[in-house]
């Protein structure tokens, strides 16, 4: 391991955690691989939706799209933990939702 901030053949590589995805959440996770945050929106009632779903929880519409986040929120902490059964359980992060807070409250 290099002590000057560089890498060597001995430097361990981190494995990216990827939970199982649903059809509805696939665009969210694809964007995250590109280090982009997108949010699902309902075109019928113009409301944000998070977590991604097949239907809007507000109006039950299914005309949904993903839009880039405005980037006004702030993540304070995030954690992913493994279950003993070998499945990964994702614990939701603590966030100041920014653009979502005003719309979902």
N, C-alpha and C. Protein backbone atom coordinates (compact mmCIF):
# COMPACT_ATOMS: atom_id res chain seq x y z
N UNK A 1 0.84 -1.18 0.00
CA UNK A 1 0.00 0.00 0.00
C UNK A 1 0.88 1.23 0.00
N UNK A 2 0.53 2.21 -0.76
CA UNK A 2 1.28 3.45 -0.88
C UNK A 2 0.85 4.42 0.22
N UNK A 3 1.81 5.14 0.79
CA UNK A 3 1.49 6.10 1.83
C UNK A 3 1.43 7.53 1.31
N UNK A 4 1.65 7.70 0.01
CA UNK A 4 1.64 9.05 -0.56
C UNK A 4 0.32 9.38 -1.24
N UNK A 5 -0.71 8.56 -1.00
CA UNK A 5 -2.01 8.82 -1.59
C UNK A 5 -2.20 8.13 -2.93
N UNK A 6 -1.15 7.55 -3.47
CA UNK A 6 -1.24 6.84 -4.74
C UNK A 6 -1.73 5.42 -4.53
N UNK A 7 -1.73 4.65 -5.58
CA UNK A 7 -2.16 3.26 -5.48
C UNK A 7 -1.04 2.34 -5.92
N UNK A 8 -1.08 1.15 -5.44
CA UNK A 8 -0.13 0.12 -5.85
C UNK A 8 -0.94 -1.13 -6.15
N UNK A 9 -0.27 -2.19 -6.53
CA UNK A 9 -0.94 -3.46 -6.78
C UNK A 9 -1.58 -4.01 -5.51
N UNK A 10 -1.13 -3.57 -4.35
CA UNK A 10 -1.64 -4.06 -3.07
C UNK A 10 -2.84 -3.26 -2.56
N UNK A 11 -3.15 -2.14 -3.21
CA UNK A 11 -4.25 -1.30 -2.75
C UNK A 11 -5.57 -2.03 -2.99
N UNK A 12 -6.33 -2.26 -1.92
CA UNK A 12 -7.61 -2.96 -2.10
C UNK A 12 -8.60 -2.09 -2.87
N UNK A 13 -9.40 -2.71 -3.70
CA UNK A 13 -10.45 -1.99 -4.42
C UNK A 13 -11.76 -2.19 -3.69
N UNK A 14 -12.56 -1.13 -3.66
CA UNK A 14 -13.85 -1.21 -2.99
C UNK A 14 -14.88 -1.76 -3.96
N UNK A 15 -15.76 -2.60 -3.45
CA UNK A 15 -16.85 -3.13 -4.24
C UNK A 15 -18.06 -2.25 -4.06
N UNK A 16 -18.69 -1.88 -5.14
CA UNK A 16 -19.88 -1.03 -5.07
C UNK A 16 -21.06 -1.87 -4.60
N UNK A 17 -21.77 -1.37 -3.60
CA UNK A 17 -22.97 -2.03 -3.11
C UNK A 17 -24.12 -1.74 -4.06
N UNK A 18 -24.76 -2.76 -4.56
CA UNK A 18 -25.91 -2.58 -5.42
C UNK A 18 -27.03 -3.49 -4.95
N UNK A 19 -28.09 -2.92 -4.41
CA UNK A 19 -29.22 -3.73 -3.97
C UNK A 19 -29.99 -4.28 -5.16
N UNK A 20 -30.81 -5.29 -4.94
CA UNK A 20 -31.67 -5.75 -6.03
C UNK A 20 -32.60 -4.62 -6.45
N UNK A 21 -32.85 -4.50 -7.74
CA UNK A 21 -33.68 -3.40 -8.21
C UNK A 21 -34.98 -3.91 -8.81
N UNK A 22 -35.99 -3.07 -8.72
CA UNK A 22 -37.26 -3.34 -9.37
C UNK A 22 -37.28 -2.63 -10.72
N UNK A 23 -38.22 -2.94 -11.55
CA UNK A 23 -38.36 -2.26 -12.84
C UNK A 23 -38.56 -0.76 -12.62
N UNK A 24 -39.35 -0.41 -11.63
CA UNK A 24 -39.64 1.00 -11.36
C UNK A 24 -38.40 1.77 -10.89
N UNK A 25 -37.51 1.11 -10.17
CA UNK A 25 -36.34 1.77 -9.60
C UNK A 25 -35.11 1.73 -10.50
N UNK A 26 -35.17 0.96 -11.57
CA UNK A 26 -33.99 0.79 -12.43
C UNK A 26 -33.39 2.12 -12.90
N UNK A 27 -34.17 3.10 -13.38
CA UNK A 27 -33.57 4.39 -13.80
C UNK A 27 -32.86 5.12 -12.66
N UNK A 28 -33.40 5.01 -11.44
CA UNK A 28 -32.77 5.64 -10.27
C UNK A 28 -31.37 5.06 -10.06
N UNK A 29 -31.25 3.73 -10.08
CA UNK A 29 -29.96 3.08 -9.83
C UNK A 29 -29.00 3.26 -11.00
N UNK A 30 -29.50 3.29 -12.22
CA UNK A 30 -28.63 3.54 -13.37
C UNK A 30 -28.02 4.94 -13.27
N UNK A 31 -28.81 5.92 -12.87
CA UNK A 31 -28.29 7.28 -12.69
C UNK A 31 -27.27 7.32 -11.55
N UNK A 32 -27.51 6.57 -10.48
CA UNK A 32 -26.57 6.58 -9.35
C UNK A 32 -25.21 6.03 -9.76
N UNK A 33 -25.20 5.07 -10.69
CA UNK A 33 -23.91 4.55 -11.19
C UNK A 33 -23.11 5.64 -11.89
N UNK A 34 -23.82 6.62 -12.44
CA UNK A 34 -23.17 7.75 -13.11
C UNK A 34 -22.98 8.93 -12.15
N UNK A 35 -23.21 8.70 -10.86
CA UNK A 35 -23.10 9.70 -9.80
C UNK A 35 -24.04 10.88 -10.04
N UNK A 36 -25.27 10.55 -10.48
CA UNK A 36 -26.32 11.54 -10.66
C UNK A 36 -27.50 11.15 -9.77
N UNK A 37 -28.21 12.15 -9.24
CA UNK A 37 -29.40 11.89 -8.44
C UNK A 37 -30.62 12.31 -9.25
N UNK A 38 -31.48 11.35 -9.53
CA UNK A 38 -32.73 11.63 -10.22
C UNK A 38 -33.88 11.25 -9.30
N UNK A 39 -35.00 11.95 -9.46
CA UNK A 39 -36.19 11.67 -8.67
C UNK A 39 -37.34 11.35 -9.60
N UNK A 40 -38.17 10.44 -9.17
CA UNK A 40 -39.35 10.08 -9.95
C UNK A 40 -40.44 11.14 -9.72
N UNK A 41 -41.12 11.53 -10.79
CA UNK A 41 -42.20 12.51 -10.73
C UNK A 41 -43.42 11.96 -11.44
N UNK A 42 -44.58 12.33 -10.94
CA UNK A 42 -45.84 11.99 -11.59
C UNK A 42 -46.19 13.13 -12.54
N UNK A 43 -46.40 12.82 -13.79
CA UNK A 43 -46.77 13.84 -14.77
C UNK A 43 -48.23 14.27 -14.61
N UNK A 44 -49.05 13.41 -14.02
CA UNK A 44 -50.48 13.73 -13.86
C UNK A 44 -50.72 14.80 -12.81
N UNK A 45 -50.06 14.65 -11.64
CA UNK A 45 -50.30 15.62 -10.55
C UNK A 45 -49.06 16.45 -10.23
N UNK A 46 -47.97 16.26 -10.97
CA UNK A 46 -46.73 17.02 -10.80
C UNK A 46 -46.17 16.96 -9.39
N UNK A 47 -46.19 15.76 -8.81
CA UNK A 47 -45.65 15.54 -7.47
C UNK A 47 -44.42 14.63 -7.55
N UNK A 48 -43.40 14.90 -6.70
CA UNK A 48 -42.24 14.01 -6.64
C UNK A 48 -42.60 12.72 -5.91
N UNK A 49 -41.91 11.65 -6.25
CA UNK A 49 -42.16 10.35 -5.62
C UNK A 49 -40.81 9.78 -5.21
N UNK A 50 -40.69 9.40 -3.97
CA UNK A 50 -39.49 8.69 -3.54
C UNK A 50 -39.87 7.82 -2.36
N UNK A 51 -39.62 6.66 -2.45
CA UNK A 51 -38.88 5.76 -3.30
C UNK A 51 -39.62 5.48 -4.61
N UNK A 52 -38.89 5.09 -5.70
CA UNK A 52 -39.55 4.85 -7.00
C UNK A 52 -40.60 3.74 -6.92
N UNK A 53 -41.74 3.98 -7.58
CA UNK A 53 -42.86 3.03 -7.56
C UNK A 53 -43.47 2.91 -8.95
N UNK A 54 -44.40 1.97 -9.09
CA UNK A 54 -45.10 1.78 -10.36
C UNK A 54 -46.27 2.74 -10.53
N UNK A 55 -46.76 3.31 -9.44
CA UNK A 55 -47.89 4.24 -9.49
C UNK A 55 -47.66 5.36 -8.48
N UNK A 56 -48.21 6.51 -8.77
CA UNK A 56 -48.11 7.67 -7.87
C UNK A 56 -48.93 7.43 -6.61
N UNK A 57 -48.35 7.63 -5.43
CA UNK A 57 -49.12 7.43 -4.19
C UNK A 57 -50.14 8.56 -3.95
N UNK A 58 -50.01 9.68 -4.67
CA UNK A 58 -50.94 10.79 -4.49
C UNK A 58 -52.22 10.61 -5.30
N UNK A 59 -52.05 10.30 -6.61
CA UNK A 59 -53.22 10.25 -7.50
C UNK A 59 -53.40 8.88 -8.16
N UNK A 60 -52.50 7.94 -7.87
CA UNK A 60 -52.50 6.59 -8.43
C UNK A 60 -52.25 6.57 -9.94
N UNK A 61 -51.76 7.69 -10.48
CA UNK A 61 -51.42 7.74 -11.90
C UNK A 61 -50.18 6.91 -12.21
N UNK A 62 -50.09 6.48 -13.46
CA UNK A 62 -48.91 5.70 -13.85
C UNK A 62 -48.11 6.38 -14.95
N UNK A 63 -48.35 7.66 -15.19
CA UNK A 63 -47.57 8.43 -16.15
C UNK A 63 -46.42 9.08 -15.37
N UNK A 64 -45.34 8.33 -15.21
CA UNK A 64 -44.23 8.72 -14.35
C UNK A 64 -42.97 8.96 -15.17
N UNK A 65 -42.10 9.83 -14.66
CA UNK A 65 -40.81 10.08 -15.30
C UNK A 65 -39.76 10.36 -14.24
N UNK A 66 -38.50 10.28 -14.63
CA UNK A 66 -37.39 10.64 -13.74
C UNK A 66 -36.83 11.97 -14.19
N UNK A 67 -36.61 12.87 -13.22
CA UNK A 67 -36.04 14.19 -13.50
C UNK A 67 -34.79 14.36 -12.65
N UNK A 68 -33.81 15.11 -13.15
CA UNK A 68 -32.62 15.38 -12.34
C UNK A 68 -33.00 16.15 -11.08
N UNK A 69 -32.35 15.83 -9.98
CA UNK A 69 -32.58 16.54 -8.73
C UNK A 69 -31.99 17.94 -8.84
N UNK A 70 -32.62 18.89 -8.16
CA UNK A 70 -32.11 20.26 -8.13
C UNK A 70 -30.83 20.36 -7.31
N UNK A 71 -30.56 19.35 -6.48
CA UNK A 71 -29.34 19.35 -5.69
C UNK A 71 -29.39 20.27 -4.49
N UNK A 72 -30.58 20.56 -3.98
CA UNK A 72 -30.70 21.49 -2.85
C UNK A 72 -30.74 20.79 -1.50
N UNK A 73 -30.78 19.45 -1.48
CA UNK A 73 -30.81 18.72 -0.21
C UNK A 73 -29.40 18.45 0.30
N UNK A 74 -29.31 17.82 1.47
CA UNK A 74 -28.02 17.50 2.06
C UNK A 74 -28.12 16.15 2.76
N UNK A 75 -27.19 15.24 2.46
CA UNK A 75 -27.15 13.94 3.11
C UNK A 75 -26.26 14.06 4.34
N UNK A 76 -26.79 13.68 5.50
CA UNK A 76 -26.03 13.74 6.73
C UNK A 76 -25.34 12.41 7.04
N UNK A 77 -25.98 11.32 6.73
CA UNK A 77 -25.41 10.01 7.02
C UNK A 77 -26.13 8.97 6.18
N UNK A 78 -25.42 7.91 5.84
CA UNK A 78 -26.02 6.79 5.11
C UNK A 78 -25.37 5.51 5.62
N UNK A 79 -26.10 4.41 5.58
CA UNK A 79 -25.59 3.15 6.10
C UNK A 79 -26.24 2.00 5.36
N UNK A 80 -25.46 1.00 5.04
CA UNK A 80 -25.99 -0.24 4.50
C UNK A 80 -25.47 -1.36 5.39
N UNK A 81 -26.34 -2.28 5.78
CA UNK A 81 -25.94 -3.35 6.69
C UNK A 81 -26.34 -4.70 6.11
N UNK A 82 -25.55 -5.72 6.40
CA UNK A 82 -25.84 -7.07 5.89
C UNK A 82 -26.63 -7.86 6.92
N UNK A 83 -27.62 -8.61 6.44
CA UNK A 83 -28.34 -9.55 7.29
C UNK A 83 -27.53 -10.83 7.42
N UNK A 84 -27.79 -11.58 8.46
CA UNK A 84 -27.09 -12.86 8.64
C UNK A 84 -27.44 -13.84 7.53
N UNK A 85 -28.60 -13.71 6.92
CA UNK A 85 -29.01 -14.63 5.86
C UNK A 85 -28.31 -14.39 4.54
N UNK A 86 -27.41 -13.44 4.48
CA UNK A 86 -26.70 -13.16 3.25
C UNK A 86 -27.34 -12.10 2.39
N UNK A 87 -28.51 -11.63 2.77
CA UNK A 87 -29.18 -10.56 2.02
C UNK A 87 -28.75 -9.21 2.58
N UNK A 88 -28.68 -8.22 1.70
CA UNK A 88 -28.36 -6.86 2.13
C UNK A 88 -29.63 -6.12 2.51
N UNK A 89 -29.57 -5.44 3.60
CA UNK A 89 -30.68 -4.60 4.04
C UNK A 89 -30.20 -3.16 4.03
N UNK A 90 -30.88 -2.32 3.31
CA UNK A 90 -30.48 -0.92 3.22
C UNK A 90 -31.23 -0.12 4.26
N UNK A 91 -30.49 0.63 5.06
CA UNK A 91 -31.07 1.51 6.07
C UNK A 91 -31.16 2.90 5.45
N UNK A 92 -32.33 3.53 5.44
CA UNK A 92 -32.46 4.84 4.79
C UNK A 92 -31.50 5.87 5.37
N UNK A 93 -30.95 6.75 4.52
CA UNK A 93 -30.06 7.79 5.02
C UNK A 93 -30.83 8.88 5.76
N UNK A 94 -30.12 9.60 6.60
CA UNK A 94 -30.68 10.78 7.26
C UNK A 94 -30.42 11.96 6.33
N UNK A 95 -31.47 12.60 5.86
CA UNK A 95 -31.29 13.67 4.88
C UNK A 95 -32.13 14.89 5.20
N UNK A 96 -31.67 16.02 4.70
CA UNK A 96 -32.49 17.22 4.59
C UNK A 96 -32.94 17.18 3.13
N UNK A 97 -34.18 16.85 2.89
CA UNK A 97 -34.64 16.52 1.55
C UNK A 97 -34.68 17.70 0.58
N UNK A 98 -34.49 18.89 1.05
CA UNK A 98 -34.45 20.04 0.14
C UNK A 98 -35.72 20.15 -0.67
N UNK A 99 -35.63 19.91 -1.97
CA UNK A 99 -36.77 20.07 -2.86
C UNK A 99 -37.91 19.14 -2.51
N UNK A 100 -37.64 17.95 -1.98
CA UNK A 100 -38.71 17.02 -1.62
C UNK A 100 -39.42 17.45 -0.36
N UNK A 101 -38.70 18.06 0.57
CA UNK A 101 -39.30 18.40 1.87
C UNK A 101 -40.51 19.29 1.72
N UNK A 102 -40.42 20.28 0.86
CA UNK A 102 -41.54 21.20 0.69
C UNK A 102 -42.72 20.56 -0.01
N UNK A 103 -42.44 19.59 -0.88
CA UNK A 103 -43.50 18.97 -1.68
C UNK A 103 -44.19 17.82 -0.94
N UNK A 104 -43.43 17.08 -0.11
CA UNK A 104 -43.98 15.89 0.52
C UNK A 104 -44.50 16.13 1.92
N UNK A 105 -44.28 17.31 2.50
CA UNK A 105 -44.73 17.53 3.87
C UNK A 105 -46.18 17.96 3.93
